[in-house]
Amino acid sequence: MAGWALIVLGLAVFVLAVRIGGRGARGATQGAGVLVAAIGAILVLRRPGSSLHLPGYGPRQWRQP
């Protein structure tokens, strides 16, 4: 649930940053919004019950060469 909340919050900050007047402040705010949304997406993909997983999730498979 936290992952989805971060995605929504990050995208909302990215969209609402258009109202900021300063060019540098707007860019920094949009960058922070995208970063928060990306962290939320990583959290959603790392969830164990999800059908989508990032590579390397779960116990390591040890095999004899």
Protein backbone atom coordinates (compact mmCIF):
# COMPACT_ATOMS: atom_id res chain seq x y z
CA MET A 1 0.00 0.00 0.00
CA ALA A 2 2.87 2.36 0.76
CA GLY A 3 4.30 1.80 -2.73
CA TRP A 4 1.07 2.84 -4.42
CA ALA A 5 0.77 5.86 -2.14
CA LEU A 6 4.30 6.95 -3.07
CA ILE A 7 3.54 6.55 -6.78
CA VAL A 8 0.39 8.67 -6.52
CA LEU A 9 2.10 11.28 -4.35
CA GLY A 10 5.10 11.53 -6.67
CA LEU A 11 2.95 11.91 -9.78
CA ALA A 12 0.78 14.53 -8.05
CA VAL A 13 3.86 16.55 -7.08
CA PHE A 14 5.17 16.24 -10.63
CA VAL A 15 1.92 17.52 -12.14
CA LEU A 16 1.34 20.29 -9.59
CA ALA A 17 4.91 21.59 -9.94
CA VAL A 18 3.75 23.50 -13.03
CA ARG A 19 2.31 26.15 -10.69
CA ILE A 20 5.76 26.95 -9.25
CA GLY A 21 7.11 30.12 -10.82
CA GLY A 22 10.89 29.74 -10.56
CA ARG A 23 12.54 27.62 -13.22
CA GLY A 24 15.08 26.00 -10.87
CA ALA A 25 12.55 25.39 -8.12
CA ARG A 26 10.12 23.85 -10.60
CA GLY A 27 12.80 21.50 -11.94
CA ALA A 28 13.88 20.44 -8.47
CA THR A 29 10.28 19.81 -7.43
CA GLN A 30 9.55 17.78 -10.55
CA GLY A 31 12.74 15.78 -10.04
CA ALA A 32 11.79 15.02 -6.45
CA GLY A 33 8.32 13.96 -7.57
CA VAL A 34 9.72 11.57 -10.16
CA LEU A 35 12.18 10.17 -7.60
CA VAL A 36 9.38 9.51 -5.10
CA ALA A 37 7.27 7.82 -7.80
CA ALA A 38 10.24 5.64 -8.83
CA ILE A 39 10.84 4.56 -5.22
CA GLY A 40 7.14 3.67 -4.96
CA ALA A 41 7.35 1.60 -8.16
CA ILE A 42 10.36 -0.29 -6.81
CA LEU A 43 8.48 -1.01 -3.59
CA VAL A 44 5.48 -2.30 -5.55
CA LEU A 45 7.69 -4.57 -7.66
CA ARG A 46 9.51 -5.94 -4.60
CA ARG A 47 6.30 -7.09 -2.91
CA PRO A 48 6.39 -10.86 -2.37
CA GLY A 49 2.71 -11.39 -3.25
CA SER A 50 2.99 -9.52 -6.53
CA SER A 51 3.07 -11.33 -9.86
CA LEU A 52 5.76 -8.90 -11.05
CA HIS A 53 9.12 -9.19 -9.33
CA LEU A 54 12.43 -7.53 -9.81
CA PRO A 55 15.23 -9.96 -10.68
CA GLY A 56 16.97 -11.37 -7.65
CA TYR A 57 14.00 -11.43 -5.30
CA GLY A 58 13.84 -14.31 -2.86
CA PRO A 59 16.40 -16.75 -1.49
CA ARG A 60 19.54 -17.29 -3.48
CA GLN A 61 19.73 -20.52 -5.45
CA TRP A 62 22.99 -22.28 -4.68
CA ARG A 63 24.01 -24.93 -7.18
CA GLN A 64 27.03 -27.17 -7.34
CA PRO A 65 29.08 -26.37 -10.47
